[in-house]
């Protein structure tokens, strides 16, 4: 009798072959360093040896006033940095995308390119350029405000504790507003014409169509942009370091978790580096980001799925 036909699906070994290089690279630069950092945070230095300390480093970070004051100051500044991006960058990106997606607008491709170009600039270039622009000595900001009769509003914003962090946040918004703009622009173009035509037949046009039809349909995209903004802002370091240095002045008013981690791990000036406490701060940052991502995935994304096609 003939053998019965084997109906089991063939093993697709080629999938593993194609995925293996990416998995190896990702593991080498992300997974292994992550677990090494988590492991290092559980040890403390005793001369040339590493001694297992359990959660003692975390007790020191949150319980010792010398460490906890710096950590919570950096966390507060980081939260403000993120809040400005959420309240300014993302709404501005939605507005720009809505304007640029209008079919009657001419030269929209030029405007999109001009707005997106700062995104590809180096943090060092952006930080140094804005320090020159806002400088009270050789900057052009005082003269530009004077030309329109607003010179009295000028202040050395990067040199004042009350304004420095907000100023840097707005500089970051200027640099990265092109990312939410392009993502929302793509989401708006993906809305089926049939939906818009049906709304137009019901008399819903113009701004009313955006608020009642388009905005609900792009909420999933706005949610993804929000969580990407959260992760990027709590991993921020480059702009603050380029503009204000590792001490995040004036008087640590622009200090965020990234700059605190840098000073602690590598040391700076008279402060000696402590890789164990630096890893503890990095682990705390990872925990904060993980909590935020989980809140989005399990508390927000499930509610936004109802708006997807």
Protein backbone atom coordinates (compact mmCIF):
# COMPACT_ATOMS: atom_id res chain seq x y z
CA UNK A 1 0.00 0.00 0.00
CA UNK A 2 1.27 3.48 -0.76
CA UNK A 3 2.50 5.52 2.15
CA UNK A 4 -0.02 8.05 3.38
CA UNK A 5 0.69 11.59 2.26
CA UNK A 6 2.49 13.55 4.94
CA UNK A 7 0.36 16.65 5.47
CA UNK A 8 2.70 18.28 7.96
CA UNK A 9 3.87 21.69 6.75
CA UNK A 10 7.52 21.75 5.70
CA UNK A 11 9.99 23.30 8.07
CA UNK A 12 10.96 26.70 6.81
CA UNK A 13 14.63 26.76 7.74
CA UNK A 14 15.27 29.73 5.48
CA UNK A 15 13.38 31.99 7.93
CA UNK A 16 15.84 31.15 10.70
CA UNK A 17 18.76 31.66 8.33
CA UNK A 18 17.58 35.14 7.37
CA UNK A 19 16.73 36.13 10.95
CA UNK A 20 19.94 34.83 12.52
CA UNK A 21 22.24 37.77 11.53
CA UNK A 22 19.76 40.37 12.84
CA UNK A 23 19.18 38.42 16.06
CA UNK A 24 22.93 38.05 16.65
CA UNK A 25 23.64 41.73 16.04
CA UNK A 26 20.68 42.84 18.19
CA UNK A 27 21.73 40.50 20.99
CA UNK A 28 25.34 41.70 20.84
CA UNK A 29 24.54 45.41 21.04
CA UNK A 30 21.30 45.36 23.07
CA UNK A 31 20.41 42.19 24.96
CA UNK A 32 23.83 41.24 26.36
CA UNK A 33 24.71 44.83 27.45
CA UNK A 34 21.29 45.16 29.08
CA UNK A 35 21.71 42.04 31.20
CA UNK A 36 25.33 42.98 31.95
CA UNK A 37 24.12 46.36 33.24
CA UNK A 38 21.40 44.75 35.36
CA UNK A 39 23.98 42.35 36.78
CA UNK A 40 26.51 45.10 37.50
CA UNK A 41 23.90 47.05 39.48
CA UNK A 42 23.74 44.16 41.98
CA UNK A 43 27.44 44.40 42.86
CA UNK A 44 29.66 46.90 44.59
CA UNK A 45 33.38 47.50 44.31
CA UNK A 46 35.65 46.30 47.13
CA UNK A 47 39.11 47.30 46.04
CA UNK A 48 39.78 45.37 42.85
CA UNK A 49 36.97 42.87 43.47
CA UNK A 50 33.25 42.96 42.80
CA UNK A 51 31.16 41.92 45.82
CA UNK A 52 27.52 40.92 45.52
CA UNK A 53 25.39 43.58 47.22
CA UNK A 54 21.85 42.63 46.19
CA UNK A 55 19.59 45.69 46.24
CA UNK A 56 21.92 47.79 48.41
CA UNK A 57 22.77 50.07 45.48
CA UNK A 58 19.09 50.80 44.94
CA UNK A 59 18.64 51.53 48.66
CA UNK A 60 21.53 53.96 48.38
CA UNK A 61 20.11 55.58 45.25
CA UNK A 62 16.66 56.14 46.73
CA UNK A 63 17.50 56.35 50.43
CA UNK A 64 20.79 58.26 50.68
CA UNK A 65 20.04 62.02 50.41
CA UNK A 66 23.29 62.57 48.52
CA UNK A 67 22.06 60.30 45.72
CA UNK A 68 18.28 60.58 45.97
CA UNK A 69 18.31 64.38 45.70
CA UNK A 70 20.25 64.23 42.44
CA UNK A 71 18.14 61.37 41.07
CA UNK A 72 14.77 62.97 41.77
CA UNK A 73 15.97 66.32 40.44
CA UNK A 74 17.02 64.62 37.21
CA UNK A 75 13.73 62.67 37.06
CA UNK A 76 11.70 65.86 37.58
CA UNK A 77 13.62 67.64 34.83
CA UNK A 78 13.19 64.63 32.53
CA UNK A 79 9.43 64.61 33.17
CA UNK A 80 9.24 68.32 32.28
CA UNK A 81 11.35 67.71 29.17
CA UNK A 82 8.89 64.99 28.11
CA UNK A 83 5.81 67.06 28.97
CA UNK A 84 6.90 69.94 26.73
CA UNK A 85 7.36 67.53 23.84
CA UNK A 86 3.90 66.07 24.42
CA UNK A 87 2.20 69.46 24.70
CA UNK A 88 4.12 71.28 21.96
CA UNK A 89 5.88 68.92 19.56
CA UNK A 90 3.17 66.33 18.97
CA UNK A 91 0.20 68.73 18.62
CA UNK A 92 2.32 70.94 16.35
CA UNK A 93 3.19 67.86 14.28
CA UNK A 94 -0.51 67.04 13.90
CA UNK A 95 -1.32 70.60 12.85
CA UNK A 96 1.50 70.72 10.31
CA UNK A 97 0.52 67.32 8.89
CA UNK A 98 -3.10 68.42 8.54
CA UNK A 99 -2.06 71.58 6.70
CA UNK A 100 0.46 69.88 4.43
CA UNK A 101 -1.93 67.07 3.52
CA UNK A 102 -4.47 69.51 2.10
CA UNK A 103 -4.69 68.87 -1.65
CA UNK A 104 -4.95 72.57 -2.49
CA UNK A 105 -1.63 73.47 -0.86
CA UNK A 106 1.16 74.18 -3.33
CA UNK A 107 4.82 73.28 -2.72
CA UNK A 108 3.86 70.94 0.12
CA UNK A 109 6.84 68.67 -0.68
CA UNK A 110 9.20 71.63 -0.21
CA UNK A 111 7.63 72.52 3.14
CA UNK A 112 7.80 68.94 4.36
CA UNK A 113 11.46 68.73 3.43
CA UNK A 114 12.31 72.04 5.10
CA UNK A 115 10.59 71.02 8.34
CA UNK A 116 12.15 67.54 8.36
CA UNK A 117 15.75 68.60 7.61
CA UNK A 118 16.63 69.54 11.25
CA UNK A 119 15.85 65.95 12.23
CA UNK A 120 18.91 64.65 10.39
CA UNK A 121 21.29 67.20 11.92
CA UNK A 122 23.80 66.15 14.57
CA UNK A 123 23.00 66.96 18.20
CA UNK A 124 26.39 68.62 18.48
CA UNK A 125 25.63 70.93 15.55
CA UNK A 126 22.18 71.80 16.90
CA UNK A 127 23.40 72.42 20.45
CA UNK A 128 26.38 74.54 19.41
CA UNK A 129 24.39 76.51 16.81
CA UNK A 130 21.64 77.43 19.27
CA UNK A 131 24.22 78.41 21.90
CA UNK A 132 25.62 80.86 19.35
CA UNK A 133 22.17 82.13 18.36
CA UNK A 134 21.02 82.72 21.95
CA UNK A 135 24.32 84.05 23.28
CA UNK A 136 23.99 87.54 24.82
CA UNK A 137 27.51 88.38 23.63
CA UNK A 138 27.70 87.30 19.98
CA UNK A 139 24.28 85.79 19.31
CA UNK A 140 21.81 87.11 16.75
CA UNK A 141 18.71 86.63 18.94
CA UNK A 142 18.95 90.07 20.64
CA UNK A 143 19.30 91.87 17.30
CA UNK A 144 16.45 89.89 15.72
CA UNK A 145 14.12 90.75 18.60
CA UNK A 146 15.31 94.35 18.49
CA UNK A 147 14.46 94.55 14.78
CA UNK A 148 10.79 93.93 15.58
CA UNK A 149 10.73 96.03 18.73
CA UNK A 150 10.80 93.13 21.21
CA UNK A 151 14.36 93.36 22.49
CA UNK A 152 13.04 93.90 26.02
CA UNK A 153 11.82 90.28 25.95
CA UNK A 154 15.32 88.92 25.43
CA UNK A 155 17.08 87.16 28.29
CA UNK A 156 20.07 84.80 28.46
CA UNK A 157 17.68 81.86 28.53
CA UNK A 158 20.34 79.15 28.55
CA UNK A 159 22.06 80.84 31.48
CA UNK A 160 19.04 81.18 33.77
CA UNK A 161 17.90 78.29 35.93
CA UNK A 162 14.23 79.12 35.44
CA UNK A 163 14.40 79.07 31.63
CA UNK A 164 17.30 76.82 30.59
CA UNK A 165 15.49 73.46 30.56
CA UNK A 166 12.40 74.85 28.83
CA UNK A 167 14.61 76.53 26.23
CA UNK A 168 16.46 73.28 25.50
CA UNK A 169 13.14 71.42 25.31
CA UNK A 170 11.86 73.87 22.69
CA UNK A 171 15.12 73.52 20.75
CA UNK A 172 14.57 69.75 20.77
CA UNK A 173 10.98 70.32 19.58
CA UNK A 174 12.30 72.43 16.69
CA UNK A 175 14.70 69.66 15.73
CA UNK A 176 12.30 66.72 15.92
CA UNK A 177 8.86 68.08 15.08
CA UNK A 178 9.38 66.68 11.57
CA UNK A 179 9.07 63.08 12.83
CA UNK A 180 5.48 63.29 14.19
CA UNK A 181 4.58 65.47 11.23
CA UNK A 182 5.66 62.81 8.72
CA UNK A 183 4.05 59.94 10.65
CA UNK A 184 0.73 61.77 10.97
CA UNK A 185 0.98 62.89 7.34
CA UNK A 186 1.30 59.25 6.26
CA UNK A 187 -1.63 58.29 8.51
CA UNK A 188 -3.82 60.99 6.99
CA UNK A 189 -3.00 59.84 3.47
CA UNK A 190 -3.93 56.27 4.42
CA UNK A 191 -7.55 57.21 5.21
CA UNK A 192 -9.74 55.73 2.43
CA UNK A 193 -11.27 58.26 0.06
CA UNK A 194 -14.63 56.51 0.45
CA UNK A 195 -14.78 57.55 4.10
CA UNK A 196 -14.09 61.19 3.30
CA UNK A 197 -16.52 61.18 0.39
CA UNK A 198 -19.25 59.71 2.59
CA UNK A 199 -18.61 62.40 5.19
CA UNK A 200 -18.72 65.07 2.50
CA UNK A 201 -22.11 63.76 1.36
CA UNK A 202 -23.31 64.24 4.94
CA UNK A 203 -22.10 67.84 4.88
CA UNK A 204 -18.96 67.28 6.97
CA UNK A 205 -16.12 69.22 5.34
CA UNK A 206 -13.13 71.37 6.23
CA UNK A 207 -12.13 71.61 9.88
CA UNK A 208 -15.25 69.71 10.91
CA UNK A 209 -14.12 66.75 8.80
CA UNK A 210 -10.74 66.77 10.47
CA UNK A 211 -12.14 66.78 14.02
CA UNK A 212 -14.97 64.32 13.43
CA UNK A 213 -13.49 61.96 10.82
CA UNK A 214 -9.74 62.22 10.39
CA UNK A 215 -8.61 62.78 13.98
CA UNK A 216 -10.37 59.69 15.41
CA UNK A 217 -8.89 57.56 12.62
CA UNK A 218 -5.32 58.70 13.28
CA UNK A 219 -5.50 58.24 17.06
CA UNK A 220 -3.56 54.92 16.88
CA UNK A 221 -0.74 56.74 15.09
CA UNK A 222 -0.81 59.52 17.67
CA UNK A 223 -0.57 56.88 20.40
CA UNK A 224 2.50 55.30 18.79
CA UNK A 225 4.12 58.73 18.43
CA UNK A 226 3.41 59.47 22.09
CA UNK A 227 5.11 56.32 23.35
CA UNK A 228 8.06 56.87 21.00
CA UNK A 229 8.35 60.40 22.38
CA UNK A 230 8.30 59.03 25.93
CA UNK A 231 11.05 56.50 25.26
CA UNK A 232 13.22 58.99 23.36
CA UNK A 233 12.89 61.74 25.98
CA UNK A 234 13.75 59.49 28.91
CA UNK A 235 16.80 58.28 26.96
CA UNK A 236 17.82 61.85 26.07
CA UNK A 237 21.39 62.94 26.65
CA UNK A 238 23.07 64.36 23.56
CA UNK A 239 21.44 67.79 23.30
CA UNK A 240 21.84 68.61 26.99
CA UNK A 241 25.48 67.49 26.93
CA UNK A 242 26.25 69.43 23.74
CA UNK A 243 24.62 72.65 24.94
CA UNK A 244 25.22 72.65 28.71
CA UNK A 245 27.98 70.11 29.27
CA UNK A 246 28.07 67.11 31.60
CA UNK A 247 27.23 69.26 34.65
CA UNK A 248 23.94 70.27 32.96
CA UNK A 249 24.08 73.82 34.26
CA UNK A 250 23.31 76.28 35.47
CA UNK A 251 23.38 74.58 38.89
CA UNK A 252 22.05 71.24 37.52
CA UNK A 253 18.82 72.91 36.37
CA UNK A 254 18.99 71.01 33.07
CA UNK A 255 20.24 67.76 34.59
CA UNK A 256 18.28 64.76 33.31
CA UNK A 257 18.68 61.05 33.89
CA UNK A 258 21.02 60.64 30.91
CA UNK A 259 23.51 63.26 32.11
CA UNK A 260 23.30 61.98 35.69
CA UNK A 261 24.07 58.49 34.41
CA UNK A 262 27.04 59.77 32.41
CA UNK A 263 28.62 61.62 35.35
CA UNK A 264 28.05 58.73 37.72
CA UNK A 265 29.31 55.95 35.46
CA UNK A 266 32.31 57.66 33.84
CA UNK A 267 33.05 60.39 36.35
CA UNK A 268 33.54 64.07 35.57
CA UNK A 269 36.10 66.57 36.85
CA UNK A 270 36.50 65.84 40.59
CA UNK A 271 33.76 63.20 40.64
CA UNK A 272 35.14 59.67 40.31
CA UNK A 273 33.31 57.19 38.12
CA UNK A 274 31.28 54.47 39.81
CA UNK A 275 30.13 51.84 37.27
CA UNK A 276 28.03 50.05 39.89
CA UNK A 277 25.96 53.11 40.82
CA UNK A 278 25.91 54.14 37.18
CA UNK A 279 24.42 50.76 36.31
CA UNK A 280 21.90 51.23 39.12
CA UNK A 281 20.75 54.51 37.60
CA UNK A 282 20.59 52.87 34.16
CA UNK A 283 18.46 50.07 35.61
CA UNK A 284 16.14 52.64 37.20
CA UNK A 285 15.82 54.37 33.83
CA UNK A 286 15.02 51.03 32.20
CA UNK A 287 12.33 50.40 34.85
CA UNK A 288 10.75 53.83 34.30
CA UNK A 289 10.63 53.33 30.53
CA UNK A 290 9.32 49.77 30.92
CA UNK A 291 6.49 50.94 33.18
CA UNK A 292 5.53 53.68 30.73
CA UNK A 293 5.54 51.29 27.78
CA UNK A 294 3.44 48.72 29.66
CA UNK A 295 0.88 51.38 30.62
CA UNK A 296 0.59 52.31 26.96
CA UNK A 297 0.42 48.73 25.65
CA UNK A 298 -2.12 47.43 28.15
CA UNK A 299 -4.00 50.59 29.09
CA UNK A 300 -4.08 52.79 26.00
CA UNK A 301 -3.39 50.77 22.87
CA UNK A 302 -6.25 48.34 23.51
CA UNK A 303 -8.68 51.28 23.57
CA UNK A 304 -7.26 52.79 20.39
CA UNK A 305 -7.69 49.60 18.35
CA UNK A 306 -11.38 50.35 17.89
CA UNK A 307 -10.43 53.23 15.59
CA UNK A 308 -8.35 51.07 13.24
CA UNK A 309 -9.71 49.77 9.96
